[in-house]
Amino acid sequence: MSSEYDDAAANGLARALRVPASSDRLQAALAAGTTPKPAYIEVLVDRCAVEPDFFVRDMLTWALVRHDPEVTVPRLVEELGSVFPQARSQALHTLSKTGDPRTWSAITLALLEDDEDQVARAAWRTAAGVVPEREAPALAELLARQFGRGDRDVRLSLTRAFLSIGELAVDAVEQVTDAEQSEREARVHARATARMLRDPELDFDEAIQEAQHALRQGR
């Protein structure tokens, strides 16, 4: 009887998360987190992969975090191998909210270098937030390979990851700023990041402009 009840509850949640109105989907996700049930986890994870509304996705994450991490974390780690970019990025985001130590070991080089910007950005942010101190310099070296990638928002995300790592990222960043063989865009981005590591209150666009000016002047 309990199994049938759980199946019915999960099916009801799945239907509620497919209705056209985002406000109704938001309420369904809220209800699932308010009264957690193990049967909800699969439904919530599956919906994360396709939900178009940002606020509903955020509520799905909240609902998952409200469930037992012994069940949710392994399922989210499994989702990191999905062929769907949104599934990977949302799983990373949710893992970052769990505070579970297993998150760090689940973040692979493939995720940090993912071709999809939304996935890579989520991986950078999550990794920088959970990396053990002893492994932070190595993470910074991996992230430094991404300097110059993408548009402004992508680059800002990478810089924020370095700022989250902090002082332990300085050496990796400065290696790129000083490397003549690095592409110009990568050097500009690295210089701006190095500047912000010294002054975290500095505006990102201002730091980029300063770096561009310095390179034009041959400095």
Protein backbone atom coordinates (compact mmCIF):
# COMPACT_ATOMS: atom_id res chain seq x y z
CA MET A 1 0.00 0.00 0.00
CA SER A 2 2.81 2.38 0.90
CA SER A 3 4.53 1.76 -2.43
CA GLU A 4 1.32 2.41 -4.34
CA TYR A 5 0.79 5.62 -2.36
CA ASP A 6 4.34 6.79 -3.10
CA ASP A 7 3.94 6.02 -6.79
CA ALA A 8 0.69 7.97 -6.88
CA ALA A 9 2.31 10.92 -5.11
CA ALA A 10 5.26 10.90 -7.53
CA ASN A 11 2.96 10.72 -10.54
CA GLY A 12 0.90 13.59 -9.15
CA LEU A 13 4.02 15.69 -8.71
CA ALA A 14 5.19 14.89 -12.24
CA ARG A 15 1.85 16.06 -13.64
CA ALA A 16 1.92 19.22 -11.53
CA LEU A 17 5.41 20.06 -12.78
CA ARG A 18 4.26 19.83 -16.40
CA VAL A 19 1.37 22.31 -16.24
CA PRO A 20 1.71 25.40 -18.49
CA ALA A 21 1.68 28.06 -15.75
CA SER A 22 5.10 28.58 -14.19
CA SER A 23 3.47 29.87 -10.98
CA ASP A 24 1.69 26.53 -10.58
CA ARG A 25 4.90 24.60 -11.23
CA LEU A 26 6.62 26.77 -8.63
CA GLN A 27 3.96 25.86 -6.08
CA ALA A 28 4.30 22.17 -6.92
CA ALA A 29 8.06 22.28 -6.34
CA LEU A 30 7.52 24.19 -3.10
CA ALA A 31 5.07 21.56 -1.88
CA ALA A 32 7.51 18.77 -2.77
CA GLY A 33 10.19 20.39 -0.64
CA THR A 34 7.85 21.21 2.22
CA THR A 35 6.79 17.57 2.59
CA PRO A 36 9.74 15.55 1.24
CA LYS A 37 9.19 12.00 0.02
CA PRO A 38 11.86 9.66 -1.38
CA ALA A 39 9.59 9.02 -4.35
CA TYR A 40 9.82 12.70 -5.31
CA ILE A 41 13.57 12.70 -5.90
CA GLU A 42 13.57 11.11 -9.34
CA VAL A 43 10.73 13.36 -10.48
CA LEU A 44 12.49 16.51 -9.26
CA VAL A 45 15.83 15.58 -10.84
CA ASP A 46 14.17 14.74 -14.14
CA ARG A 47 12.32 18.06 -14.17
CA CYS A 48 15.53 20.00 -13.53
CA ALA A 49 16.77 18.84 -16.93
CA VAL A 50 13.92 20.46 -18.86
CA GLU A 51 12.35 23.19 -16.70
CA PRO A 52 12.52 26.49 -18.68
CA ASP A 53 11.78 28.93 -15.84
CA PHE A 54 14.70 30.08 -13.68
CA PHE A 55 12.63 30.56 -10.54
CA VAL A 56 11.03 27.14 -10.84
CA ARG A 57 14.47 25.57 -11.34
CA ASP A 58 15.67 27.31 -8.21
CA MET A 59 12.70 25.94 -6.28
CA LEU A 60 13.41 22.46 -7.65
CA THR A 61 16.92 22.78 -6.25
CA TRP A 62 15.53 23.87 -2.89
CA ALA A 63 13.14 20.92 -2.87
CA LEU A 64 15.93 18.45 -3.62
CA VAL A 65 18.13 19.88 -0.88
CA ARG A 66 15.26 19.25 1.55
CA HIS A 67 15.44 15.52 0.82
CA ASP A 68 17.80 12.92 2.28
CA PRO A 69 21.31 13.59 0.88
CA GLU A 70 22.12 9.89 1.07
CA VAL A 71 19.63 9.47 -1.77
CA THR A 72 19.78 12.80 -3.57
CA VAL A 73 23.56 13.23 -3.83
CA PRO A 74 24.28 9.95 -5.65
CA ARG A 75 21.38 10.65 -8.02
CA LEU A 76 22.68 14.16 -8.73
CA VAL A 77 26.20 12.84 -9.31
CA GLU A 78 24.75 10.38 -11.81
CA GLU A 79 23.04 13.30 -13.57
CA LEU A 80 26.43 14.93 -14.21
CA GLY A 81 26.87 12.39 -17.00
CA SER A 82 23.64 13.35 -18.75
CA VAL A 83 23.70 14.24 -22.45
CA PHE A 84 21.51 17.26 -21.68
CA PRO A 85 23.49 20.40 -20.76
CA GLN A 86 20.79 21.80 -18.49
CA ALA A 87 20.69 18.53 -16.58
CA ARG A 88 24.42 18.73 -15.93
CA SER A 89 24.44 22.40 -14.98
CA GLN A 90 21.43 22.12 -12.69
CA ALA A 91 22.85 19.03 -10.99
CA LEU A 92 26.05 20.95 -10.31
CA HIS A 93 24.10 23.88 -8.94
CA THR A 94 22.07 21.64 -6.66
CA LEU A 95 25.12 19.74 -5.45
CA SER A 96 26.72 23.07 -4.52
CA LYS A 97 23.76 23.74 -2.22
CA THR A 98 23.90 20.40 -0.42
CA GLY A 99 27.23 21.05 1.29
CA ASP A 100 28.02 17.38 0.82
CA PRO A 101 31.76 16.53 0.73
CA ARG A 102 31.15 14.09 -2.13
CA THR A 103 30.54 17.03 -4.44
CA TRP A 104 34.23 17.84 -4.88
CA SER A 105 35.22 14.38 -6.10
CA ALA A 106 32.30 14.40 -8.56
CA ILE A 107 33.56 17.47 -10.44
CA THR A 108 35.64 16.16 -13.32
CA LEU A 109 37.97 17.86 -15.77
CA ALA A 110 35.37 17.19 -18.45
CA LEU A 111 32.87 19.33 -16.55
CA LEU A 112 35.36 22.13 -15.94
CA GLU A 113 36.11 22.18 -19.68
CA ASP A 114 32.58 21.40 -20.88
CA ASP A 115 31.82 22.79 -24.34
CA GLU A 116 28.53 24.16 -23.03
CA ASP A 117 29.14 27.45 -21.26
CA GLN A 118 26.27 26.98 -18.80
CA VAL A 119 27.77 23.69 -17.64
CA ALA A 120 31.34 24.97 -17.40
CA ARG A 121 30.22 28.05 -15.47
CA ALA A 122 28.30 25.91 -12.99
CA ALA A 123 31.31 23.60 -12.62
CA TRP A 124 33.69 26.52 -12.00
CA ARG A 125 31.42 28.07 -9.40
CA THR A 126 30.72 24.79 -7.64
CA ALA A 127 34.33 23.60 -7.65
CA ALA A 128 35.62 26.90 -6.28
CA GLY A 129 33.10 26.72 -3.48
CA VAL A 130 33.87 23.19 -2.32
CA VAL A 131 37.55 22.61 -3.15
CA PRO A 132 39.67 21.47 -0.19
CA GLU A 133 42.38 24.01 0.61
CA ARG A 134 45.22 21.61 -0.26
CA GLU A 135 43.80 21.13 -3.77
CA ALA A 136 42.94 24.76 -4.48
CA PRO A 137 46.21 25.60 -6.33
CA ALA A 138 45.73 22.63 -8.66
CA LEU A 139 42.14 23.65 -9.34
CA ALA A 140 43.31 27.19 -10.11
CA GLU A 141 45.77 25.82 -12.67
CA LEU A 142 42.97 23.94 -14.40
CA LEU A 143 40.71 26.97 -14.39
CA ALA A 144 43.51 29.15 -15.78
CA ARG A 145 43.24 27.20 -19.04
CA GLN A 146 39.83 28.83 -19.54
CA PHE A 147 41.01 32.45 -19.54
CA GLY A 148 39.64 34.35 -22.52
CA ARG A 149 36.80 31.91 -23.09
CA GLY A 150 33.35 33.09 -24.12
CA ASP A 151 31.54 36.38 -23.71
CA ARG A 152 31.62 38.85 -20.84
CA ASP A 153 29.30 36.84 -18.61
CA VAL A 154 31.33 33.66 -19.06
CA ARG A 155 34.55 35.49 -18.25
CA LEU A 156 33.01 37.15 -15.22
CA SER A 157 31.95 33.73 -13.94
CA LEU A 158 35.51 32.46 -14.26
CA THR A 159 36.91 35.50 -12.48
CA ARG A 160 34.42 35.03 -9.66
CA ALA A 161 35.59 31.44 -9.29
CA PHE A 162 39.17 32.66 -8.85
CA LEU A 163 38.01 35.25 -6.33
CA SER A 164 36.25 32.50 -4.41
CA ILE A 165 39.48 30.48 -4.29
CA GLY A 166 41.35 33.61 -3.23
CA GLU A 167 45.06 33.90 -2.50
CA LEU A 168 45.75 30.27 -3.41
CA ALA A 169 44.81 31.11 -7.01
CA VAL A 170 47.31 33.95 -7.45
CA ASP A 171 50.22 31.91 -8.82
CA ALA A 172 48.10 30.19 -11.48
CA VAL A 173 46.61 33.50 -12.60
CA GLU A 174 49.95 35.30 -12.78
CA GLN A 175 51.46 32.53 -14.89
CA VAL A 176 48.99 33.46 -17.63
CA THR A 177 49.43 37.22 -17.23
CA ASP A 178 53.18 36.82 -17.74
CA ALA A 179 53.09 34.20 -20.51
CA GLU A 180 54.02 35.75 -23.85
CA GLN A 181 52.67 32.71 -25.69
CA SER A 182 49.17 33.16 -24.24
CA GLU A 183 46.54 34.66 -26.53
CA ARG A 184 45.85 38.34 -26.01
CA GLU A 185 42.28 37.82 -24.78
CA ALA A 186 43.48 35.28 -22.24
CA ARG A 187 46.16 37.66 -20.96
CA VAL A 188 43.70 40.54 -20.67
CA HIS A 189 41.28 38.35 -18.75
CA ALA A 190 44.03 36.99 -16.50
CA ARG A 191 45.40 40.47 -15.79
CA ALA A 192 41.94 41.73 -14.87
CA THR A 193 41.45 38.75 -12.57
CA ALA A 194 44.84 39.28 -10.93
CA ARG A 195 43.91 42.92 -10.35
CA MET A 196 40.63 41.90 -8.72
CA LEU A 197 42.37 39.35 -6.53
CA ARG A 198 44.29 42.31 -5.12
CA ASP A 199 41.19 44.51 -4.98
CA PRO A 200 37.96 42.43 -4.92
CA GLU A 201 35.81 45.58 -4.82
CA LEU A 202 37.04 46.65 -8.26
CA ASP A 203 34.45 46.55 -11.06
CA PHE A 204 35.08 43.74 -13.55
CA ASP A 205 34.65 45.92 -16.64
CA GLU A 206 36.99 48.52 -15.19
CA ALA A 207 39.58 45.82 -14.50
CA ILE A 208 39.29 44.60 -18.10
CA GLN A 209 39.78 48.13 -19.43
CA GLU A 210 42.85 48.62 -17.25
CA ALA A 211 44.31 45.34 -18.49
CA GLN A 212 43.66 46.23 -22.13
CA HIS A 213 45.29 49.62 -21.68
CA ALA A 214 48.34 48.10 -19.99
CA LEU A 215 48.87 45.61 -22.82
CA ARG A 216 48.51 48.33 -25.44
CA GLN A 217 51.22 50.26 -23.62
CA GLY A 218 53.44 47.18 -23.67
CA ARG A 219 53.29 46.74 -19.91
